[in-house]
Amino acid sequence: GSSTPKRSSGTPRPSRVVTSEVLIANPAVANLVATGKSSQIYSAMEAGGHLGMQTLEEDLARLWASGFISEGTALSMARNPGVMRDRYAALRQSAGPNGARSRGVMR
């Protein structure tokens, strides 16, 4: 048999996947940087989902829910595992009985 890890669907899981954070320098983000409020950028990323922004935790939750990475990998890579678990739970709930959406980042 093959030693390639399998997704829950039975298809082979790639050995490496890309995860990302996306920050768009809109006026709100630029103001946070200009005024030295960089600690609020994460919240701006969460609120900017409709603009295409995403946090690491959102993308890890999406990859876990889609079966591309395991729970252990998602937890080990997350800066805030509790937030990542919350994002995963929300994705699973919003996906319903058919599983995760293809781009299931919370917005």
C-alpha atoms as a PDB file:
ATOM      1  CA  GLY A   1       0.000   0.000   0.000  1.00  0.00           C
ATOM      2  CA  SER A   2       0.912   3.608  -0.367  1.00  0.00           C
ATOM      3  CA  SER A   3       2.359   5.488   2.566  1.00  0.00           C
ATOM      4  CA  THR A   4       1.046   8.806   1.233  1.00  0.00           C
ATOM      5  CA  PRO A   5      -1.279  10.378   3.826  1.00  0.00           C
ATOM      6  CA  LYS A   6      -4.938  10.378   2.781  1.00  0.00           C
ATOM      7  CA  ARG A   7      -7.595  13.041   3.211  1.00  0.00           C
ATOM      8  CA  SER A   8     -10.906  12.029   4.720  1.00  0.00           C
ATOM      9  CA  SER A   9     -12.217  11.739   1.136  1.00  0.00           C
ATOM     10  CA  GLY A  10      -9.602   9.041   0.458  1.00  0.00           C
ATOM     11  CA  THR A  11      -7.610  11.089  -2.043  1.00  0.00           C
ATOM     12  CA  PRO A  12      -3.879  11.530  -1.395  1.00  0.00           C
ATOM     13  CA  ARG A  13      -2.916  14.470   0.803  1.00  0.00           C
ATOM     14  CA  PRO A  14       0.000  16.515  -0.530  1.00  0.00           C
ATOM     15  CA  SER A  15       3.080  16.477   1.706  1.00  0.00           C
ATOM     16  CA  ARG A  16       3.253  20.290   1.713  1.00  0.00           C
ATOM     17  CA  VAL A  17       0.606  22.971   1.446  1.00  0.00           C
ATOM     18  CA  VAL A  18       0.819  26.741   1.532  1.00  0.00           C
ATOM     19  CA  THR A  19      -0.905  28.773   4.197  1.00  0.00           C
ATOM     20  CA  SER A  20      -0.979  32.523   4.209  1.00  0.00           C
ATOM     21  CA  GLU A  21      -2.014  35.713   5.859  1.00  0.00           C
ATOM     22  CA  VAL A  22      -3.309  38.477   3.626  1.00  0.00           C
ATOM     23  CA  LEU A  23      -3.154  42.107   4.669  1.00  0.00           C
ATOM     24  CA  ILE A  24      -4.319  44.803   2.287  1.00  0.00           C
ATOM     25  CA  ALA A  25      -2.982  48.282   2.938  1.00  0.00           C
ATOM     26  CA  ASN A  26      -6.283  50.114   2.859  1.00  0.00           C
ATOM     27  CA  PRO A  27      -6.742  53.525   4.538  1.00  0.00           C
ATOM     28  CA  ALA A  28      -7.707  51.946   7.878  1.00  0.00           C
ATOM     29  CA  VAL A  29      -4.569  49.777   7.956  1.00  0.00           C
ATOM     30  CA  ALA A  30      -2.393  52.680   6.827  1.00  0.00           C
ATOM     31  CA  ASN A  31      -3.798  54.778   9.685  1.00  0.00           C
ATOM     32  CA  LEU A  32      -3.028  52.035  12.212  1.00  0.00           C
ATOM     33  CA  VAL A  33       0.566  51.898  10.995  1.00  0.00           C
ATOM     34  CA  ALA A  34       0.949  55.689  10.876  1.00  0.00           C
ATOM     35  CA  THR A  35      -0.377  56.109  14.409  1.00  0.00           C
ATOM     36  CA  GLY A  36       1.709  53.286  15.864  1.00  0.00           C
ATOM     37  CA  LYS A  37      -1.261  51.039  16.571  1.00  0.00           C
ATOM     38  CA  SER A  38       0.221  47.957  14.938  1.00  0.00           C
ATOM     39  CA  SER A  39      -1.275  45.751  17.667  1.00  0.00           C
ATOM     40  CA  GLN A  40      -4.694  46.402  16.086  1.00  0.00           C
ATOM     41  CA  ILE A  41      -3.707  45.187  12.611  1.00  0.00           C
ATOM     42  CA  TYR A  42      -4.801  41.612  13.364  1.00  0.00           C
ATOM     43  CA  SER A  43      -8.315  42.850  14.155  1.00  0.00           C
ATOM     44  CA  ALA A  44      -8.313  44.842  10.923  1.00  0.00           C
ATOM     45  CA  MET A  45      -7.379  41.656   9.044  1.00  0.00           C
ATOM     46  CA  GLU A  46     -10.267  39.790  10.652  1.00  0.00           C
ATOM     47  CA  ALA A  47     -12.688  42.599   9.818  1.00  0.00           C
ATOM     48  CA  GLY A  48     -11.307  42.937   6.285  1.00  0.00           C
ATOM     49  CA  GLY A  49     -12.310  39.477   5.097  1.00  0.00           C
ATOM     50  CA  HIS A  50     -14.734  40.957   2.579  1.00  0.00           C
ATOM     51  CA  LEU A  51     -11.739  42.773   1.050  1.00  0.00           C
ATOM     52  CA  GLY A  52      -9.729  39.554   0.722  1.00  0.00           C
ATOM     53  CA  MET A  53      -7.784  39.777   3.969  1.00  0.00           C
ATOM     54  CA  GLN A  54      -7.267  36.668   6.066  1.00  0.00           C
ATOM     55  CA  THR A  55      -5.409  35.700   9.210  1.00  0.00           C
ATOM     56  CA  LEU A  56      -3.145  32.699   9.604  1.00  0.00           C
ATOM     57  CA  GLU A  57      -5.701  31.111  11.924  1.00  0.00           C
ATOM     58  CA  GLU A  58      -8.475  31.481   9.327  1.00  0.00           C
ATOM     59  CA  ASP A  59      -6.372  29.835   6.632  1.00  0.00           C
ATOM     60  CA  LEU A  60      -5.208  27.017   8.912  1.00  0.00           C
ATOM     61  CA  ALA A  61      -8.834  26.354   9.879  1.00  0.00           C
ATOM     62  CA  ARG A  62      -9.785  26.269   6.176  1.00  0.00           C
ATOM     63  CA  LEU A  63      -6.974  23.825   5.374  1.00  0.00           C
ATOM     64  CA  TRP A  64      -7.895  21.593   8.330  1.00  0.00           C
ATOM     65  CA  ALA A  65     -11.610  21.644   7.457  1.00  0.00           C
ATOM     66  CA  SER A  66     -10.774  20.814   3.835  1.00  0.00           C
ATOM     67  CA  GLY A  67      -8.620  17.861   4.882  1.00  0.00           C
ATOM     68  CA  PHE A  68      -5.341  19.266   3.565  1.00  0.00           C
ATOM     69  CA  ILE A  69      -3.728  19.304   7.014  1.00  0.00           C
ATOM     70  CA  SER A  70      -4.350  17.486  10.259  1.00  0.00           C
ATOM     71  CA  GLU A  71      -5.642  18.975  13.466  1.00  0.00           C
ATOM     72  CA  GLY A  72      -2.175  18.547  15.000  1.00  0.00           C
ATOM     73  CA  THR A  73      -0.504  20.418  12.175  1.00  0.00           C
ATOM     74  CA  ALA A  74      -3.068  23.220  12.344  1.00  0.00           C
ATOM     75  CA  LEU A  75      -2.639  23.565  16.102  1.00  0.00           C
ATOM     76  CA  SER A  76       1.157  23.476  15.938  1.00  0.00           C
ATOM     77  CA  MET A  77       1.290  26.222  13.301  1.00  0.00           C
ATOM     78  CA  ALA A  78      -1.324  28.566  14.821  1.00  0.00           C
ATOM     79  CA  ARG A  79      -0.189  31.571  16.833  1.00  0.00           C
ATOM     80  CA  ASN A  80      -3.472  31.347  18.732  1.00  0.00           C
ATOM     81  CA  PRO A  81      -4.772  27.747  18.740  1.00  0.00           C
ATOM     82  CA  GLY A  82      -7.997  28.760  20.504  1.00  0.00           C
ATOM     83  CA  VAL A  83      -8.901  31.238  17.771  1.00  0.00           C
ATOM     84  CA  MET A  84      -8.019  28.668  15.109  1.00  0.00           C
ATOM     85  CA  ARG A  85     -10.290  26.066  16.751  1.00  0.00           C
ATOM     86  CA  ASP A  86     -13.111  28.629  16.845  1.00  0.00           C
ATOM     87  CA  ARG A  87     -12.636  29.369  13.130  1.00  0.00           C
ATOM     88  CA  TYR A  88     -12.623  25.634  12.370  1.00  0.00           C
ATOM     89  CA  ALA A  89     -15.842  25.080  14.349  1.00  0.00           C
ATOM     90  CA  ALA A  90     -17.523  27.963  12.515  1.00  0.00           C
ATOM     91  CA  LEU A  91     -16.446  26.557   9.147  1.00  0.00           C
ATOM     92  CA  ARG A  92     -17.769  23.105  10.007  1.00  0.00           C
ATOM     93  CA  GLN A  93     -21.062  24.580  11.179  1.00  0.00           C
ATOM     94  CA  SER A  94     -21.500  26.795   8.104  1.00  0.00           C
ATOM     95  CA  ALA A  95     -20.567  23.946   5.756  1.00  0.00           C
ATOM     96  CA  GLY A  96     -23.477  21.811   6.925  1.00  0.00           C
ATOM     97  CA  PRO A  97     -23.617  18.059   6.293  1.00  0.00           C
ATOM     98  CA  ASN A  98     -21.664  18.235   2.999  1.00  0.00           C
ATOM     99  CA  GLY A  99     -18.361  19.249   4.596  1.00  0.00           C
ATOM    100  CA  ALA A 100     -16.182  22.309   4.199  1.00  0.00           C
ATOM    101  CA  ARG A 101     -16.671  24.868   1.507  1.00  0.00           C
ATOM    102  CA  SER A 102     -13.857  25.160  -1.028  1.00  0.00           C
ATOM    103  CA  ARG A 103     -12.786  28.640   0.111  1.00  0.00           C
ATOM    104  CA  GLY A 104     -14.282  28.392   3.578  1.00  0.00           C
ATOM    105  CA  VAL A 105     -12.574  31.375   5.179  1.00  0.00           C
ATOM    106  CA  MET A 106     -14.865  33.121   7.622  1.00  0.00           C
ATOM    107  CA  ARG A 107     -15.933  36.511   6.398  1.00  0.00           C
END
